[in-house]
């Protein structure tokens, strides 16, 4: 049993590094869907993840089709500012795949169309100048909520 964090075409190396560190420390599996906006050898990525990389369960998918072909039959959840329900109204299964979009453009429209009932959002102020939380902060909020809902598995 584990939570799966899925980053759809992440663009900013320090965000992915921070998320990798959160996944390693909680036992969550990290999935990266290419294309990535950086190299996995990027020094900012490695620095943000510190020395946690060897403890990370990481799976890289060549594209979104490869990811959906392999995991499309799993329980998928999608974080987006375009959802109508909040994360605390969502029950995250013990093997949840929680998908987060790109930092600059979010998730593609077909996901919004095909997975409307599986979308959720984090409450934020309404202001045209405030688009969304930082990706790594969003992942941390949702990852710990999913863990809490599952009694934190074997974390101490």
C-alpha atoms as a PDB file:
ATOM      1  CA  UNK A   1       0.000   0.000   0.000  1.00  0.00           C
ATOM      2  CA  UNK A   2       1.373   3.381  -0.956  1.00  0.00           C
ATOM      3  CA  UNK A   3       0.409   6.751  -2.284  1.00  0.00           C
ATOM      4  CA  UNK A   4       1.600   7.547  -5.807  1.00  0.00           C
ATOM      5  CA  UNK A   5       2.438  11.146  -6.678  1.00  0.00           C
ATOM      6  CA  UNK A   6       2.371  11.832 -10.408  1.00  0.00           C
ATOM      7  CA  UNK A   7       3.902  14.963 -11.930  1.00  0.00           C
ATOM      8  CA  UNK A   8       2.638  15.707 -15.419  1.00  0.00           C
ATOM      9  CA  UNK A   9       5.514  17.239 -17.385  1.00  0.00           C
ATOM     10  CA  UNK A  10       7.125  19.135 -14.486  1.00  0.00           C
ATOM     11  CA  UNK A  11       9.148  22.186 -15.491  1.00  0.00           C
ATOM     12  CA  UNK A  12      10.994  23.528 -12.441  1.00  0.00           C
ATOM     13  CA  UNK A  13      13.807  21.368 -11.023  1.00  0.00           C
ATOM     14  CA  UNK A  14      13.697  22.584  -7.395  1.00  0.00           C
ATOM     15  CA  UNK A  15       9.966  21.791  -7.207  1.00  0.00           C
ATOM     16  CA  UNK A  16      10.558  18.242  -8.385  1.00  0.00           C
ATOM     17  CA  UNK A  17      13.520  17.898  -6.019  1.00  0.00           C
ATOM     18  CA  UNK A  18      11.418  19.013  -3.048  1.00  0.00           C
ATOM     19  CA  UNK A  19       8.620  16.648  -4.067  1.00  0.00           C
ATOM     20  CA  UNK A  20      11.100  13.788  -4.448  1.00  0.00           C
ATOM     21  CA  UNK A  21      12.305  14.437  -0.904  1.00  0.00           C
ATOM     22  CA  UNK A  22       8.716  14.414   0.428  1.00  0.00           C
ATOM     23  CA  UNK A  23       8.028  11.159  -1.406  1.00  0.00           C
ATOM     24  CA  UNK A  24      11.201   9.506  -0.108  1.00  0.00           C
ATOM     25  CA  UNK A  25      10.501  10.478   3.494  1.00  0.00           C
ATOM     26  CA  UNK A  26       6.884   9.243   3.375  1.00  0.00           C
ATOM     27  CA  UNK A  27       7.352   6.145   1.221  1.00  0.00           C
ATOM     28  CA  UNK A  28       5.243   7.538  -1.606  1.00  0.00           C
ATOM     29  CA  UNK A  29       6.183   6.584  -5.143  1.00  0.00           C
ATOM     30  CA  UNK A  30       7.010   9.425  -7.524  1.00  0.00           C
ATOM     31  CA  UNK A  31       6.007   9.194 -11.185  1.00  0.00           C
ATOM     32  CA  UNK A  32       7.368  11.713 -13.692  1.00  0.00           C
ATOM     33  CA  UNK A  33       5.653  12.037 -17.057  1.00  0.00           C
ATOM     34  CA  UNK A  34       7.917  13.328 -19.831  1.00  0.00           C
ATOM     35  CA  UNK A  35       8.787  15.624 -21.376  1.00  0.00           C
ATOM     36  CA  UNK A  36      10.493  17.150 -18.367  1.00  0.00           C
ATOM     37  CA  UNK A  37      11.527  20.795 -18.339  1.00  0.00           C
ATOM     38  CA  UNK A  38      14.980  19.827 -17.038  1.00  0.00           C
ATOM     39  CA  UNK A  39      17.508  17.032 -16.941  1.00  0.00           C
ATOM     40  CA  UNK A  40      17.395  14.549 -14.090  1.00  0.00           C
ATOM     41  CA  UNK A  41      21.060  15.422 -13.609  1.00  0.00           C
ATOM     42  CA  UNK A  42      20.193  19.084 -12.943  1.00  0.00           C
ATOM     43  CA  UNK A  43      22.128  20.377  -9.911  1.00  0.00           C
ATOM     44  CA  UNK A  44      19.094  22.330  -8.619  1.00  0.00           C
ATOM     45  CA  UNK A  45      16.987  19.177  -8.747  1.00  0.00           C
ATOM     46  CA  UNK A  46      19.622  17.174  -6.890  1.00  0.00           C
ATOM     47  CA  UNK A  47      20.238  19.929  -4.348  1.00  0.00           C
ATOM     48  CA  UNK A  48      16.530  20.248  -3.515  1.00  0.00           C
ATOM     49  CA  UNK A  49      16.264  16.476  -3.046  1.00  0.00           C
ATOM     50  CA  UNK A  50      19.472  16.452  -1.002  1.00  0.00           C
ATOM     51  CA  UNK A  51      20.729  12.955  -0.329  1.00  0.00           C
ATOM     52  CA  UNK A  52      17.263  11.377  -0.456  1.00  0.00           C
ATOM     53  CA  UNK A  53      17.451  10.233  -4.095  1.00  0.00           C
ATOM     54  CA  UNK A  54      18.697   6.744  -3.277  1.00  0.00           C
ATOM     55  CA  UNK A  55      15.629   6.211  -1.053  1.00  0.00           C
ATOM     56  CA  UNK A  56      13.126   7.387  -3.654  1.00  0.00           C
ATOM     57  CA  UNK A  57      10.839   4.980  -5.490  1.00  0.00           C
ATOM     58  CA  UNK A  58      10.848   6.696  -8.896  1.00  0.00           C
ATOM     59  CA  UNK A  59       9.192   5.719 -12.153  1.00  0.00           C
ATOM     60  CA  UNK A  60       9.627   7.762 -15.319  1.00  0.00           C
ATOM     61  CA  UNK A  61       7.070   7.570 -18.119  1.00  0.00           C
ATOM     62  CA  UNK A  62       8.073   8.507 -21.671  1.00  0.00           C
ATOM     63  CA  UNK A  63       4.786  10.354 -22.197  1.00  0.00           C
ATOM     64  CA  UNK A  64       1.241  10.595 -20.859  1.00  0.00           C
ATOM     65  CA  UNK A  65       0.039   7.761 -23.120  1.00  0.00           C
ATOM     66  CA  UNK A  66       2.567   5.389 -21.575  1.00  0.00           C
ATOM     67  CA  UNK A  67       1.430   6.390 -18.084  1.00  0.00           C
ATOM     68  CA  UNK A  68      -2.289   5.987 -18.849  1.00  0.00           C
ATOM     69  CA  UNK A  69      -1.704   2.700 -20.657  1.00  0.00           C
ATOM     70  CA  UNK A  70       0.030   1.278 -17.594  1.00  0.00           C
ATOM     71  CA  UNK A  71      -2.003   2.887 -14.799  1.00  0.00           C
ATOM     72  CA  UNK A  72      -5.222   4.117 -16.410  1.00  0.00           C
ATOM     73  CA  UNK A  73      -7.259   1.413 -14.678  1.00  0.00           C
ATOM     74  CA  UNK A  74      -6.093   2.570 -11.213  1.00  0.00           C
ATOM     75  CA  UNK A  75      -7.906   5.096  -9.016  1.00  0.00           C
ATOM     76  CA  UNK A  76      -6.670   8.436 -10.354  1.00  0.00           C
ATOM     77  CA  UNK A  77      -7.132  11.818  -8.685  1.00  0.00           C
ATOM     78  CA  UNK A  78      -6.305  15.166 -10.290  1.00  0.00           C
ATOM     79  CA  UNK A  79      -5.301  18.350  -8.465  1.00  0.00           C
ATOM     80  CA  UNK A  80      -6.453  21.448 -10.338  1.00  0.00           C
ATOM     81  CA  UNK A  81      -7.612  24.964  -9.642  1.00  0.00           C
ATOM     82  CA  UNK A  82     -10.478  24.261 -12.074  1.00  0.00           C
ATOM     83  CA  UNK A  83     -12.206  21.694  -9.824  1.00  0.00           C
ATOM     84  CA  UNK A  84     -15.344  22.449  -7.851  1.00  0.00           C
ATOM     85  CA  UNK A  85     -14.757  20.159  -4.861  1.00  0.00           C
ATOM     86  CA  UNK A  86     -12.007  20.552  -2.299  1.00  0.00           C
ATOM     87  CA  UNK A  87      -9.364  18.038  -1.308  1.00  0.00           C
ATOM     88  CA  UNK A  88     -10.996  17.462   2.084  1.00  0.00           C
ATOM     89  CA  UNK A  89     -14.125  16.268   0.246  1.00  0.00           C
ATOM     90  CA  UNK A  90     -12.086  13.634  -1.577  1.00  0.00           C
ATOM     91  CA  UNK A  91     -11.392  10.180  -0.174  1.00  0.00           C
ATOM     92  CA  UNK A  92      -7.933   9.047  -1.287  1.00  0.00           C
ATOM     93  CA  UNK A  93      -7.683   5.263  -1.625  1.00  0.00           C
ATOM     94  CA  UNK A  94      -4.657   3.535  -0.117  1.00  0.00           C
ATOM     95  CA  UNK A  95      -3.055   3.073  -3.544  1.00  0.00           C
ATOM     96  CA  UNK A  96      -4.113   6.440  -4.934  1.00  0.00           C
ATOM     97  CA  UNK A  97      -2.446   7.987  -7.961  1.00  0.00           C
ATOM     98  CA  UNK A  98      -2.571  11.740  -7.364  1.00  0.00           C
ATOM     99  CA  UNK A  99      -1.744  13.711 -10.498  1.00  0.00           C
ATOM    100  CA  UNK A 100      -0.440  17.285 -10.520  1.00  0.00           C
ATOM    101  CA  UNK A 101      -0.113  19.387 -13.687  1.00  0.00           C
ATOM    102  CA  UNK A 102       2.666  21.543 -15.057  1.00  0.00           C
ATOM    103  CA  UNK A 103       3.682  24.598 -13.084  1.00  0.00           C
ATOM    104  CA  UNK A 104       2.800  26.995 -15.911  1.00  0.00           C
ATOM    105  CA  UNK A 105      -0.216  25.409 -17.591  1.00  0.00           C
ATOM    106  CA  UNK A 106      -1.671  22.722 -15.341  1.00  0.00           C
ATOM    107  CA  UNK A 107      -3.312  19.645 -16.810  1.00  0.00           C
ATOM    108  CA  UNK A 108      -4.409  19.221 -20.439  1.00  0.00           C
ATOM    109  CA  UNK A 109      -8.061  19.867 -21.311  1.00  0.00           C
ATOM    110  CA  UNK A 110      -8.830  16.226 -22.113  1.00  0.00           C
ATOM    111  CA  UNK A 111      -8.107  15.314 -18.474  1.00  0.00           C
ATOM    112  CA  UNK A 112     -10.555  17.962 -17.297  1.00  0.00           C
ATOM    113  CA  UNK A 113     -13.152  16.568 -19.692  1.00  0.00           C
ATOM    114  CA  UNK A 114     -12.580  12.856 -19.002  1.00  0.00           C
ATOM    115  CA  UNK A 115     -11.986  12.959 -15.251  1.00  0.00           C
ATOM    116  CA  UNK A 116     -14.312  15.681 -13.953  1.00  0.00           C
ATOM    117  CA  UNK A 117     -15.441  13.632 -10.953  1.00  0.00           C
ATOM    118  CA  UNK A 118     -11.863  12.815  -9.964  1.00  0.00           C
ATOM    119  CA  UNK A 119     -10.684  16.404  -9.739  1.00  0.00           C
ATOM    120  CA  UNK A 120     -10.173  18.389  -6.543  1.00  0.00           C
ATOM    121  CA  UNK A 121      -8.658  21.685  -5.481  1.00  0.00           C
ATOM    122  CA  UNK A 122      -6.959  23.360  -2.552  1.00  0.00           C
ATOM    123  CA  UNK A 123      -8.838  26.421  -1.237  1.00  0.00           C
ATOM    124  CA  UNK A 124      -7.191  29.710  -2.213  1.00  0.00           C
ATOM    125  CA  UNK A 125      -8.088  33.387  -2.327  1.00  0.00           C
ATOM    126  CA  UNK A 126      -9.827  34.611  -5.439  1.00  0.00           C
ATOM    127  CA  UNK A 127      -7.539  37.172  -7.020  1.00  0.00           C
ATOM    128  CA  UNK A 128      -6.543  37.518 -10.664  1.00  0.00           C
ATOM    129  CA  UNK A 129      -2.896  38.048  -9.637  1.00  0.00           C
ATOM    130  CA  UNK A 130      -2.725  34.928  -7.435  1.00  0.00           C
ATOM    131  CA  UNK A 131      -2.915  31.867  -9.682  1.00  0.00           C
ATOM    132  CA  UNK A 132      -2.025  28.974  -7.409  1.00  0.00           C
ATOM    133  CA  UNK A 133       0.237  27.608  -4.717  1.00  0.00           C
ATOM    134  CA  UNK A 134       3.742  26.425  -5.502  1.00  0.00           C
ATOM    135  CA  UNK A 135       3.659  22.863  -6.852  1.00  0.00           C
ATOM    136  CA  UNK A 136       5.815  21.364  -4.116  1.00  0.00           C
ATOM    137  CA  UNK A 137       3.630  22.987  -1.430  1.00  0.00           C
ATOM    138  CA  UNK A 138       0.489  21.650  -3.113  1.00  0.00           C
ATOM    139  CA  UNK A 139       1.919  18.143  -3.261  1.00  0.00           C
ATOM    140  CA  UNK A 140       2.901  18.273   0.417  1.00  0.00           C
ATOM    141  CA  UNK A 141      -0.605  19.342   1.473  1.00  0.00           C
ATOM    142  CA  UNK A 142      -2.313  16.615  -0.529  1.00  0.00           C
ATOM    143  CA  UNK A 143       0.240  13.882   0.179  1.00  0.00           C
ATOM    144  CA  UNK A 144      -0.165  14.315   3.922  1.00  0.00           C
ATOM    145  CA  UNK A 145      -3.951  14.450   3.633  1.00  0.00           C
ATOM    146  CA  UNK A 146      -3.923  11.158   1.696  1.00  0.00           C
ATOM    147  CA  UNK A 147      -1.582   9.658   4.297  1.00  0.00           C
ATOM    148  CA  UNK A 148      -3.775  10.925   7.155  1.00  0.00           C
ATOM    149  CA  UNK A 149      -6.859   9.382   5.576  1.00  0.00           C
ATOM    150  CA  UNK A 150      -5.012   6.054   5.478  1.00  0.00           C
ATOM    151  CA  UNK A 151      -3.799   6.244   9.092  1.00  0.00           C
ATOM    152  CA  UNK A 152      -0.317   7.212   7.863  1.00  0.00           C
ATOM    153  CA  UNK A 153       0.356   3.567   6.909  1.00  0.00           C
ATOM    154  CA  UNK A 154       3.486   2.585   8.854  1.00  0.00           C
ATOM    155  CA  UNK A 155       4.954   6.074   9.325  1.00  0.00           C
ATOM    156  CA  UNK A 156       6.021   7.007  12.840  1.00  0.00           C
END
